[in-house]
C-alpha atoms as a PDB file:
ATOM      1  CA  MET A   1      65.819  17.593 -68.321  1.00  0.00           C
ATOM      2  CA  ARG A   2      65.695  21.674 -67.721  1.00  0.00           C
ATOM      3  CA  TRP A   3      62.392  20.776 -65.521  1.00  0.00           C
ATOM      4  CA  MET A   4      64.169  17.836 -63.250  1.00  0.00           C
ATOM      5  CA  ALA A   5      66.555  20.670 -62.604  1.00  0.00           C
ATOM      6  CA  TRP A   6      64.156  23.104 -61.942  1.00  0.00           C
ATOM      7  CA  LEU A   7      62.324  20.585 -59.478  1.00  0.00           C
ATOM      8  CA  LEU A   8      65.379  19.520 -57.411  1.00  0.00           C
ATOM      9  CA  ALA A   9      67.237  23.372 -57.210  1.00  0.00           C
ATOM     10  CA  PRO A  10      64.518  24.055 -53.982  1.00  0.00           C
ATOM     11  CA  ALA A  11      65.513  20.692 -52.180  1.00  0.00           C
ATOM     12  CA  ALA A  12      68.920  21.556 -52.885  1.00  0.00           C
ATOM     13  CA  LEU A  13      68.633  24.664 -51.316  1.00  0.00           C
ATOM     14  CA  TRP A  14      66.647  23.974 -48.226  1.00  0.00           C
ATOM     15  CA  SER A  15      69.878  20.877 -47.737  1.00  0.00           C
ATOM     16  CA  GLN A  16      72.237  23.932 -46.813  1.00  0.00           C
ATOM     17  CA  PRO A  17      72.772  24.949 -43.532  1.00  0.00           C
ATOM     18  CA  THR A  18      71.700  28.306 -42.748  1.00  0.00           C
ATOM     19  CA  VAL A  19      74.348  31.516 -41.561  1.00  0.00           C
ATOM     20  CA  THR A  20      73.473  30.807 -37.922  1.00  0.00           C
ATOM     21  CA  GLU A  21      74.445  26.845 -38.443  1.00  0.00           C
ATOM     22  CA  LEU A  22      78.063  27.974 -40.289  1.00  0.00           C
ATOM     23  CA  LEU A  23      78.424  30.486 -37.182  1.00  0.00           C
ATOM     24  CA  GLU A  24      78.062  27.769 -34.718  1.00  0.00           C
ATOM     25  CA  LYS A  25      80.452  25.446 -36.971  1.00  0.00           C
ATOM     26  CA  ARG A  26      83.046  28.536 -36.606  1.00  0.00           C
ATOM     27  CA  THR A  27      82.723  28.814 -32.888  1.00  0.00           C
ATOM     28  CA  LEU A  28      83.252  24.958 -32.721  1.00  0.00           C
ATOM     29  CA  GLU A  29      86.302  25.054 -34.728  1.00  0.00           C
ATOM     30  CA  ALA A  30      87.670  28.201 -32.340  1.00  0.00           C
ATOM     31  CA  LEU A  31      86.549  25.626 -29.358  1.00  0.00           C
ATOM     32  CA  ALA A  32      88.800  22.986 -30.639  1.00  0.00           C
ATOM     33  CA  GLY A  33      91.997  25.162 -31.236  1.00  0.00           C
ATOM     34  CA  VAL A  34      91.712  25.916 -27.304  1.00  0.00           C
ATOM     35  CA  GLU A  35      91.334  22.002 -26.946  1.00  0.00           C
ATOM     36  CA  ARG A  36      94.862  21.923 -29.221  1.00  0.00           C
ATOM     37  CA  SER A  37      96.655  24.704 -27.212  1.00  0.00           C
ATOM     38  CA  LEU A  38      96.208  22.676 -23.960  1.00  0.00           C
ATOM     39  CA  GLU A  39      98.229  19.587 -22.887  1.00  0.00           C
ATOM     40  CA  GLY A  40      94.697  17.738 -21.615  1.00  0.00           C
ATOM     41  CA  VAL A  41      91.202  17.637 -22.621  1.00  0.00           C
ATOM     42  CA  LEU A  42      88.150  19.867 -23.453  1.00  0.00           C
ATOM     43  CA  GLY A  43      84.612  20.096 -22.768  1.00  0.00           C
ATOM     44  CA  VAL A  44      81.935  22.810 -23.426  1.00  0.00           C
ATOM     45  CA  ALA A  45      78.136  23.726 -23.814  1.00  0.00           C
ATOM     46  CA  ALA A  46      77.083  26.888 -24.536  1.00  0.00           C
ATOM     47  CA  LEU A  47      73.200  27.059 -24.484  1.00  0.00           C
ATOM     48  CA  ASP A  48      70.630  29.708 -25.929  1.00  0.00           C
ATOM     49  CA  LEU A  49      68.421  31.011 -23.013  1.00  0.00           C
ATOM     50  CA  ASP A  50      66.051  32.635 -25.516  1.00  0.00           C
ATOM     51  CA  THR A  51      65.346  29.155 -27.223  1.00  0.00           C
ATOM     52  CA  GLY A  52      67.060  26.376 -25.417  1.00  0.00           C
ATOM     53  CA  TRP A  53      69.065  25.193 -28.078  1.00  0.00           C
ATOM     54  CA  MET A  54      72.767  23.897 -26.800  1.00  0.00           C
ATOM     55  CA  PHE A  55      76.071  23.312 -28.699  1.00  0.00           C
ATOM     56  CA  GLY A  56      79.097  22.925 -27.651  1.00  0.00           C
ATOM     57  CA  HIS A  57      82.202  19.845 -27.588  1.00  0.00           C
ATOM     58  CA  ASN A  58      82.587  16.926 -26.139  1.00  0.00           C
ATOM     59  CA  LEU A  59      79.176  17.670 -24.626  1.00  0.00           C
ATOM     60  CA  ASP A  60      78.553  14.363 -22.795  1.00  0.00           C
ATOM     61  CA  THR A  61      81.461  13.723 -21.728  1.00  0.00           C
ATOM     62  CA  VAL A  62      82.227  13.203 -18.152  1.00  0.00           C
ATOM     63  CA  PHE A  63      84.411  15.525 -16.271  1.00  0.00           C
ATOM     64  CA  PRO A  64      85.646  16.239 -12.341  1.00  0.00           C
ATOM     65  CA  GLN A  65      83.831  18.695 -11.035  1.00  0.00           C
ATOM     66  CA  ALA A  66      86.069  20.215  -8.070  1.00  0.00           C
ATOM     67  CA  SER A  67      83.973  22.864  -6.270  1.00  0.00           C
ATOM     68  CA  SER A  68      81.500  23.488  -9.414  1.00  0.00           C
ATOM     69  CA  ILE A  69      79.848  20.508  -7.728  1.00  0.00           C
ATOM     70  CA  LYS A  70      78.674  22.555  -4.806  1.00  0.00           C
ATOM     71  CA  ILE A  71      75.797  24.380  -7.234  1.00  0.00           C
ATOM     72  CA  PRO A  72      74.009  20.992  -6.670  1.00  0.00           C
ATOM     73  CA  VAL A  73      74.564  20.746  -2.717  1.00  0.00           C
ATOM     74  CA  MET A  74      72.791  24.451  -2.461  1.00  0.00           C
ATOM     75  CA  VAL A  75      70.462  23.450  -4.364  1.00  0.00           C
ATOM     76  CA  GLU A  76      69.576  20.510  -2.193  1.00  0.00           C
ATOM     77  CA  VAL A  77      69.969  22.745   0.852  1.00  0.00           C
ATOM     78  CA  PHE A  78      67.048  24.723  -0.204  1.00  0.00           C
ATOM     79  CA  ARG A  79      65.178  22.186  -1.073  1.00  0.00           C
ATOM     80  CA  ALA A  80      65.516  20.846   2.603  1.00  0.00           C
ATOM     81  CA  ALA A  81      65.008  24.402   3.546  1.00  0.00           C
ATOM     82  CA  ARG A  82      61.290  24.500   1.664  1.00  0.00           C
ATOM     83  CA  ALA A  83      60.301  21.185   2.392  1.00  0.00           C
ATOM     84  CA  GLY A  84      61.420  22.058   6.571  1.00  0.00           C
ATOM     85  CA  ARG A  85      63.608  19.743   7.365  1.00  0.00           C
ATOM     86  CA  ILE A  86      66.310  22.931   7.885  1.00  0.00           C
ATOM     87  CA  ARG A  87      65.970  26.283   8.101  1.00  0.00           C
ATOM     88  CA  LEU A  88      67.893  28.587   6.527  1.00  0.00           C
ATOM     89  CA  GLU A  89      68.302  31.527   9.493  1.00  0.00           C
ATOM     90  CA  GLU A  90      69.246  28.543  12.063  1.00  0.00           C
ATOM     91  CA  ARG A  91      72.526  28.460  13.570  1.00  0.00           C
ATOM     92  CA  VAL A  92      74.785  25.447  12.952  1.00  0.00           C
ATOM     93  CA  ARG A  93      78.348  25.193  15.783  1.00  0.00           C
ATOM     94  CA  LEU A  94      81.359  24.201  13.669  1.00  0.00           C
ATOM     95  CA  GLY A  95      83.952  23.048  15.908  1.00  0.00           C
ATOM     96  CA  PRO A  96      88.145  21.444  15.549  1.00  0.00           C
ATOM     97  CA  GLU A  97      86.521  18.427  14.247  1.00  0.00           C
ATOM     98  CA  ASP A  98      85.201  20.496  10.942  1.00  0.00           C
ATOM     99  CA  VAL A  99      88.274  21.562   9.787  1.00  0.00           C
ATOM    100  CA  VAL A 100      89.574  20.363   6.249  1.00  0.00           C
ATOM    101  CA  GLY A 101      92.625  22.237   4.141  1.00  0.00           C
ATOM    102  CA  GLY A 102      91.826  24.349   0.679  1.00  0.00           C
ATOM    103  CA  SER A 103      89.869  27.036   0.142  1.00  0.00           C
ATOM    104  CA  GLY A 104      87.825  29.308   2.616  1.00  0.00           C
ATOM    105  CA  LYS A 105      88.236  31.574   5.572  1.00  0.00           C
ATOM    106  CA  LEU A 106      86.380  28.831   8.431  1.00  0.00           C
ATOM    107  CA  ARG A 107      89.637  27.229   8.878  1.00  0.00           C
ATOM    108  CA  GLN A 108      91.234  29.504  10.303  1.00  0.00           C
ATOM    109  CA  GLU A 109      88.343  31.385  12.075  1.00  0.00           C
ATOM    110  CA  LEU A 110      88.266  27.722  13.990  1.00  0.00           C
ATOM    111  CA  LYS A 111      91.986  27.961  15.139  1.00  0.00           C
ATOM    112  CA  ARG A 112      90.431  30.972  17.697  1.00  0.00           C
ATOM    113  CA  GLY A 113      87.639  28.236  18.826  1.00  0.00           C
ATOM    114  CA  PRO A 114      84.222  26.844  18.218  1.00  0.00           C
ATOM    115  CA  LEU A 115      81.824  28.833  16.135  1.00  0.00           C
ATOM    116  CA  GLU A 116      78.095  29.014  15.378  1.00  0.00           C
ATOM    117  CA  ILE A 117      76.840  30.751  11.871  1.00  0.00           C
ATOM    118  CA  THR A 118      73.777  30.345  10.069  1.00  0.00           C
ATOM    119  CA  VAL A 119      72.452  27.733   7.288  1.00  0.00           C
ATOM    120  CA  ARG A 120      72.066  31.331   4.785  1.00  0.00           C
ATOM    121  CA  GLU A 121      76.081  31.931   5.660  1.00  0.00           C
ATOM    122  CA  LEU A 122      77.410  28.482   4.927  1.00  0.00           C
ATOM    123  CA  ILE A 123      75.462  28.848   1.676  1.00  0.00           C
ATOM    124  CA  GLU A 124      77.685  32.266   1.220  1.00  0.00           C
ATOM    125  CA  ARG A 125      80.972  31.140   1.732  1.00  0.00           C
ATOM    126  CA  MET A 126      80.304  27.912   0.483  1.00  0.00           C
ATOM    127  CA  ILE A 127      79.631  29.443  -3.201  1.00  0.00           C
ATOM    128  CA  ARG A 128      81.796  33.181  -2.521  1.00  0.00           C
ATOM    129  CA  ASP A 129      84.580  31.685  -1.165  1.00  0.00           C
ATOM    130  CA  SER A 130      84.217  28.104  -2.301  1.00  0.00           C
ATOM    131  CA  ASP A 131      84.733  27.355   1.585  1.00  0.00           C
ATOM    132  CA  ASN A 132      85.394  23.608   1.829  1.00  0.00           C
ATOM    133  CA  VAL A 133      84.379  23.828   5.988  1.00  0.00           C
ATOM    134  CA  ALA A 134      80.774  24.989   4.702  1.00  0.00           C
ATOM    135  CA  THR A 135      80.563  22.635   2.363  1.00  0.00           C
ATOM    136  CA  ASN A 136      81.139  19.620   4.163  1.00  0.00           C
ATOM    137  CA  ARG A 137      78.734  20.829   6.940  1.00  0.00           C
ATOM    138  CA  LEU A 138      76.279  20.983   4.755  1.00  0.00           C
ATOM    139  CA  ILE A 139      76.670  17.917   2.888  1.00  0.00           C
ATOM    140  CA  SER A 140      75.899  16.638   6.666  1.00  0.00           C
ATOM    141  CA  LEU A 141      72.692  18.700   6.977  1.00  0.00           C
ATOM    142  CA  VAL A 142      71.610  17.219   4.024  1.00  0.00           C
ATOM    143  CA  GLY A 143      72.924  13.743   3.051  1.00  0.00           C
ATOM    144  CA  MET A 144      74.709  13.136   0.013  1.00  0.00           C
ATOM    145  CA  GLU A 145      72.385  10.467  -0.793  1.00  0.00           C
ATOM    146  CA  GLU A 146      69.414  13.335  -0.590  1.00  0.00           C
ATOM    147  CA  VAL A 147      71.973  15.485  -2.780  1.00  0.00           C
ATOM    148  CA  ASN A 148      72.128  12.626  -5.666  1.00  0.00           C
ATOM    149  CA  ARG A 149      68.132  11.817  -5.381  1.00  0.00           C
ATOM    150  CA  THR A 150      67.806  15.509  -6.405  1.00  0.00           C
ATOM    151  CA  LEU A 151      70.097  15.253  -9.123  1.00  0.00           C
ATOM    152  CA  ASP A 152      68.084  12.188 -10.451  1.00  0.00           C
ATOM    153  CA  GLY A 153      64.684  13.569  -9.939  1.00  0.00           C
ATOM    154  CA  LEU A 154      66.362  16.583 -12.303  1.00  0.00           C
ATOM    155  CA  GLY A 155      67.246  13.745 -14.812  1.00  0.00           C
ATOM    156  CA  LEU A 156      71.220  14.863 -14.598  1.00  0.00           C
ATOM    157  CA  PHE A 157      72.208  10.953 -14.061  1.00  0.00           C
ATOM    158  CA  ALA A 158      75.199  11.866 -14.711  1.00  0.00           C
ATOM    159  CA  THR A 159      76.218  14.271 -12.425  1.00  0.00           C
ATOM    160  CA  ARG A 160      77.090  12.711  -8.677  1.00  0.00           C
ATOM    161  CA  LEU A 161      78.173  13.962  -5.226  1.00  0.00           C
ATOM    162  CA  ARG A 162      80.509  11.072  -4.207  1.00  0.00           C
ATOM    163  CA  ARG A 163      82.860  12.440  -1.545  1.00  0.00           C
ATOM    164  CA  ARG A 164      83.498  15.245   0.580  1.00  0.00           C
ATOM    165  CA  MET A 165      85.426  18.166  -0.002  1.00  0.00           C
ATOM    166  CA  MET A 166      89.653  17.107   0.444  1.00  0.00           C
ATOM    167  CA  ASP A 167      88.747  13.465   0.463  1.00  0.00           C
ATOM    168  CA  SER A 168      91.777  12.784  -0.720  1.00  0.00           C
ATOM    169  CA  VAL A 169      91.095   9.437   0.454  1.00  0.00           C
ATOM    170  CA  ALA A 170      88.347   8.835  -1.431  1.00  0.00           C
ATOM    171  CA  ALA A 171      89.178  10.591  -4.873  1.00  0.00           C
ATOM    172  CA  THR A 172      92.846   7.949  -5.236  1.00  0.00           C
ATOM    173  CA  ARG A 173      89.775   5.398  -5.006  1.00  0.00           C
ATOM    174  CA  ASP A 174      88.288   7.398  -7.999  1.00  0.00           C
ATOM    175  CA  GLU A 175      85.558   8.290  -6.010  1.00  0.00           C
ATOM    176  CA  GLU A 176      85.070  11.656  -8.006  1.00  0.00           C
ATOM    177  CA  ASN A 177      82.691  14.203  -7.951  1.00  0.00           C
ATOM    178  CA  VAL A 178      81.459  14.689 -11.433  1.00  0.00           C
ATOM    179  CA  SER A 179      78.831  15.523 -14.241  1.00  0.00           C
ATOM    180  CA  THR A 180      78.902  16.390 -18.015  1.00  0.00           C
ATOM    181  CA  PRO A 181      78.663  19.879 -19.958  1.00  0.00           C
ATOM    182  CA  ARG A 182      75.512  19.064 -20.890  1.00  0.00           C
ATOM    183  CA  GLU A 183      73.851  18.632 -17.529  1.00  0.00           C
ATOM    184  CA  MET A 184      75.344  21.246 -15.519  1.00  0.00           C
ATOM    185  CA  ALA A 185      74.585  23.307 -18.435  1.00  0.00           C
ATOM    186  CA  ARG A 186      70.907  21.962 -17.735  1.00  0.00           C
ATOM    187  CA  LEU A 187      70.779  22.570 -14.162  1.00  0.00           C
ATOM    188  CA  ALA A 188      71.600  26.025 -14.757  1.00  0.00           C
ATOM    189  CA  GLU A 189      69.261  26.563 -17.583  1.00  0.00           C
ATOM    190  CA  MET A 190      66.669  25.296 -14.669  1.00  0.00           C
ATOM    191  CA  LEU A 191      67.931  27.505 -11.931  1.00  0.00           C
ATOM    192  CA  TYR A 192      67.916  30.648 -14.592  1.00  0.00           C
ATOM    193  CA  HIS A 193      64.023  29.815 -15.607  1.00  0.00           C
ATOM    194  CA  GLY A 194      62.825  29.304 -11.561  1.00  0.00           C
ATOM    195  CA  ARG A 195      62.478  25.407 -11.959  1.00  0.00           C
ATOM    196  CA  VAL A 196      64.543  24.065  -9.144  1.00  0.00           C
ATOM    197  CA  VAL A 197      63.081  24.454  -5.814  1.00  0.00           C
ATOM    198  CA  ASP A 198      60.902  26.872  -6.799  1.00  0.00           C
ATOM    199  CA  GLU A 199      60.818  30.588  -8.609  1.00  0.00           C
ATOM    200  CA  GLU A 200      62.002  32.672  -5.021  1.00  0.00           C
ATOM    201  CA  ALA A 201      64.643  29.785  -3.916  1.00  0.00           C
ATOM    202  CA  CYS A 202      66.280  30.042  -7.627  1.00  0.00           C
ATOM    203  CA  ARG A 203      66.529  33.973  -7.199  1.00  0.00           C
ATOM    204  CA  ARG A 204      68.402  33.568  -4.713  1.00  0.00           C
ATOM    205  CA  MET A 205      70.554  31.373  -5.394  1.00  0.00           C
ATOM    206  CA  LEU A 206      71.199  33.223  -8.567  1.00  0.00           C
ATOM    207  CA  THR A 207      71.853  36.286  -6.166  1.00  0.00           C
ATOM    208  CA  VAL A 208      74.590  34.305  -4.187  1.00  0.00           C
ATOM    209  CA  LEU A 209      76.389  32.879  -7.943  1.00  0.00           C
ATOM    210  CA  LYS A 210      76.970  36.576  -9.121  1.00  0.00           C
ATOM    211  CA  THR A 211      78.982  37.350  -5.716  1.00  0.00           C
ATOM    212  CA  VAL A 212      81.324  35.099  -7.619  1.00  0.00           C
ATOM    213  CA  GLU A 213      84.858  36.449  -9.084  1.00  0.00           C
ATOM    214  CA  ALA A 214      86.384  33.663 -11.580  1.00  0.00           C
ATOM    215  CA  GLY A 215      87.007  33.000 -15.076  1.00  0.00           C
ATOM    216  CA  ILE A 216      83.785  33.516 -17.003  1.00  0.00           C
ATOM    217  CA  ARG A 217      83.541  37.141 -14.958  1.00  0.00           C
ATOM    218  CA  LYS A 218      86.784  38.372 -15.909  1.00  0.00           C
ATOM    219  CA  ALA A 219      86.515  37.561 -19.967  1.00  0.00           C
ATOM    220  CA  VAL A 220      82.733  39.223 -19.933  1.00  0.00           C
ATOM    221  CA  PRO A 221      82.820  43.014 -20.186  1.00  0.00           C
ATOM    222  CA  ARG A 222      82.013  44.064 -16.387  1.00  0.00           C
ATOM    223  CA  GLU A 223      78.381  46.002 -17.178  1.00  0.00           C
ATOM    224  CA  VAL A 224      77.204  42.700 -17.993  1.00  0.00           C
ATOM    225  CA  PRO A 225      76.028  40.157 -14.924  1.00  0.00           C
ATOM    226  CA  VAL A 226      77.878  37.174 -14.064  1.00  0.00           C
ATOM    227  CA  ALA A 227      76.550  33.860 -11.836  1.00  0.00           C
ATOM    228  CA  SER A 228      79.287  31.069 -12.074  1.00  0.00           C
ATOM    229  CA  LYS A 229      80.739  28.755  -9.700  1.00  0.00           C
ATOM    230  CA  PRO A 230      84.225  27.135 -10.706  1.00  0.00           C
ATOM    231  CA  GLY A 231      86.194  24.593  -9.458  1.00  0.00           C
ATOM    232  CA  SER A 232      90.061  23.491  -9.817  1.00  0.00           C
ATOM    233  CA  VAL A 233      92.008  20.515  -8.104  1.00  0.00           C
ATOM    234  CA  PRO A 234      94.928  19.554  -9.392  1.00  0.00           C
ATOM    235  CA  GLY A 235      94.801  19.282 -13.220  1.00  0.00           C
ATOM    236  CA  VAL A 236      91.542  19.893 -13.605  1.00  0.00           C
ATOM    237  CA  ARG A 237      89.763  23.583 -14.176  1.00  0.00           C
ATOM    238  CA  CYS A 238      85.842  23.988 -14.402  1.00  0.00           C
ATOM    239  CA  GLU A 239      83.112  26.233 -14.358  1.00  0.00           C
ATOM    240  CA  THR A 240      79.542  26.828 -15.342  1.00  0.00           C
ATOM    241  CA  GLY A 241      77.881  29.732 -15.096  1.00  0.00           C
ATOM    242  CA  ILE A 242      74.783  32.143 -16.419  1.00  0.00           C
ATOM    243  CA  VAL A 243      75.682  35.238 -18.764  1.00  0.00           C
ATOM    244  CA  PHE A 244      72.922  38.401 -18.369  1.00  0.00           C
ATOM    245  CA  LEU A 245      74.184  39.338 -21.744  1.00  0.00           C
ATOM    246  CA  PRO A 246      70.660  41.539 -23.010  1.00  0.00           C
ATOM    247  CA  GLY A 247      69.162  40.309 -25.662  1.00  0.00           C
ATOM    248  CA  ARG A 248      70.817  36.937 -25.798  1.00  0.00           C
ATOM    249  CA  PRO A 249      71.281  35.575 -22.352  1.00  0.00           C
ATOM    250  CA  PHE A 250      73.251  32.300 -22.606  1.00  0.00           C
ATOM    251  CA  VAL A 251      74.399  29.570 -20.279  1.00  0.00           C
ATOM    252  CA  LEU A 252      78.307  28.133 -20.591  1.00  0.00           C
ATOM    253  CA  SER A 253      79.627  25.019 -18.940  1.00  0.00           C
ATOM    254  CA  VAL A 254      83.721  25.070 -19.336  1.00  0.00           C
ATOM    255  CA  MET A 255      85.781  21.657 -17.904  1.00  0.00           C
ATOM    256  CA  GLY A 256      89.128  20.784 -18.729  1.00  0.00           C
ATOM    257  CA  THR A 257      90.955  17.839 -16.832  1.00  0.00           C
ATOM    258  CA  PHE A 258      94.591  16.054 -17.236  1.00  0.00           C
ATOM    259  CA  LEU A 259      95.613  19.710 -17.790  1.00  0.00           C
ATOM    260  CA  GLY A 260      99.114  21.064 -17.607  1.00  0.00           C
ATOM    261  CA  ASP A 261     100.344  23.493 -14.805  1.00  0.00           C
ATOM    262  CA  LYS A 262      99.237  26.494 -16.621  1.00  0.00           C
ATOM    263  CA  ASP A 263      96.927  25.238 -18.515  1.00  0.00           C
ATOM    264  CA  ASP A 264      93.309  26.986 -18.117  1.00  0.00           C
ATOM    265  CA  PRO A 265      90.449  27.241 -20.924  1.00  0.00           C
ATOM    266  CA  ILE A 266      87.756  29.102 -18.998  1.00  0.00           C
ATOM    267  CA  GLU A 267      88.802  32.365 -19.936  1.00  0.00           C
ATOM    268  CA  PRO A 268      89.932  31.807 -23.419  1.00  0.00           C
ATOM    269  CA  VAL A 269      86.531  29.584 -24.156  1.00  0.00           C
ATOM    270  CA  THR A 270      84.548  32.632 -22.567  1.00  0.00           C
ATOM    271  CA  ARG A 271      85.620  35.137 -24.967  1.00  0.00           C
ATOM    272  CA  ILE A 272      85.116  32.928 -27.679  1.00  0.00           C
ATOM    273  CA  VAL A 273      81.637  31.874 -27.006  1.00  0.00           C
ATOM    274  CA  TYR A 274      80.688  35.655 -25.196  1.00  0.00           C
ATOM    275  CA  ALA A 275      81.680  36.877 -29.274  1.00  0.00           C
ATOM    276  CA  HIS A 276      79.269  34.061 -30.641  1.00  0.00           C
ATOM    277  CA  PHE A 277      75.962  35.573 -28.509  1.00  0.00           C
ATOM    278  CA  GLU A 278      76.775  38.422 -28.879  1.00  0.00           C
ATOM    279  CA  ARG A 279      76.900  38.245 -32.562  1.00  0.00           C
ATOM    280  CA  LEU A 280      73.548  36.862 -32.436  1.00  0.00           C
ATOM    281  CA  ALA A 281      72.223  39.616 -29.962  1.00  0.00           C
ATOM    282  CA  ARG A 282      72.967  42.353 -32.084  1.00  0.00           C
ATOM    283  CA  SER A 283      71.902  40.622 -35.173  1.00  0.00           C
ATOM    284  CA  ASN A 284      68.597  39.735 -37.270  1.00  0.00           C
ATOM    285  CA  ARG A 285      68.843  35.530 -38.044  1.00  0.00           C
ATOM    286  CA  TYR A 286      70.404  36.726 -41.340  1.00  0.00           C
ATOM    287  CA  GLY A 287      73.407  38.549 -39.855  1.00  0.00           C
ATOM    288  CA  HIS A 288      72.513  42.042 -40.329  1.00  0.00           C
ATOM    289  CA  ARG A 289      73.110  43.914 -37.599  1.00  0.00           C
ATOM    290  CA  VAL A 290      69.946  45.900 -36.968  1.00  0.00           C
ATOM    291  CA  ARG A 291      71.269  46.366 -32.905  1.00  0.00           C
END
């Protein structure tokens, strides 16, 4: 029977996980540990931009997006500009009727009276400052239905813009802006590769996203660029972004809901996932540190 054992041995060897797969398993275990430390639930997508491989935790669960939904809004504004429906340098009038609560400074500026601002500056304020006045004005310019139609065209069927910012009445009707870790990671991947609108538009969108200072940025060394958009409402914390790690750039999408007041999974998750990709960046496929 020795010859049978000899024949079966190679098959048994090939059925074993690779060392990279074992590393991924350990990373997923660490992410599950973060979830156990929370009052609520967690979703994570980590996507290797070199290979396209994605892994994560609760990848396809639908989570509320809070201000992270502003990434799809920005995409639609750039699509409308390319189609000639709007111009990024055209000036838009804002008045008292545009004021809503939440983040951003435009509502304070409007207390001094109406003002005019370019579409480009509205985009910058929506992303950099998470300004809700700017966001709602941009949604009015391009149309909520158009945002969702574009998402359908990108194959992001679970990602939906259902209400304007700070519409608490709509929120009580469960009209929440939603996505999944997988879909938001795929959208960020398309931005990175210049596959949304066109390469120039993607470059401009990434430039704006790089101005954001949030959880992913705080957990990554300052010399490594980050382009991301966070979101938060009571009980919810999320952020989707690109980490331009030399040798191993990656996308990270973190979503938490039913969270306690002190819960914020963004930084601990980022540190775990960054360590994972940093190991890959400095090692060969077998884990030998060669860089």
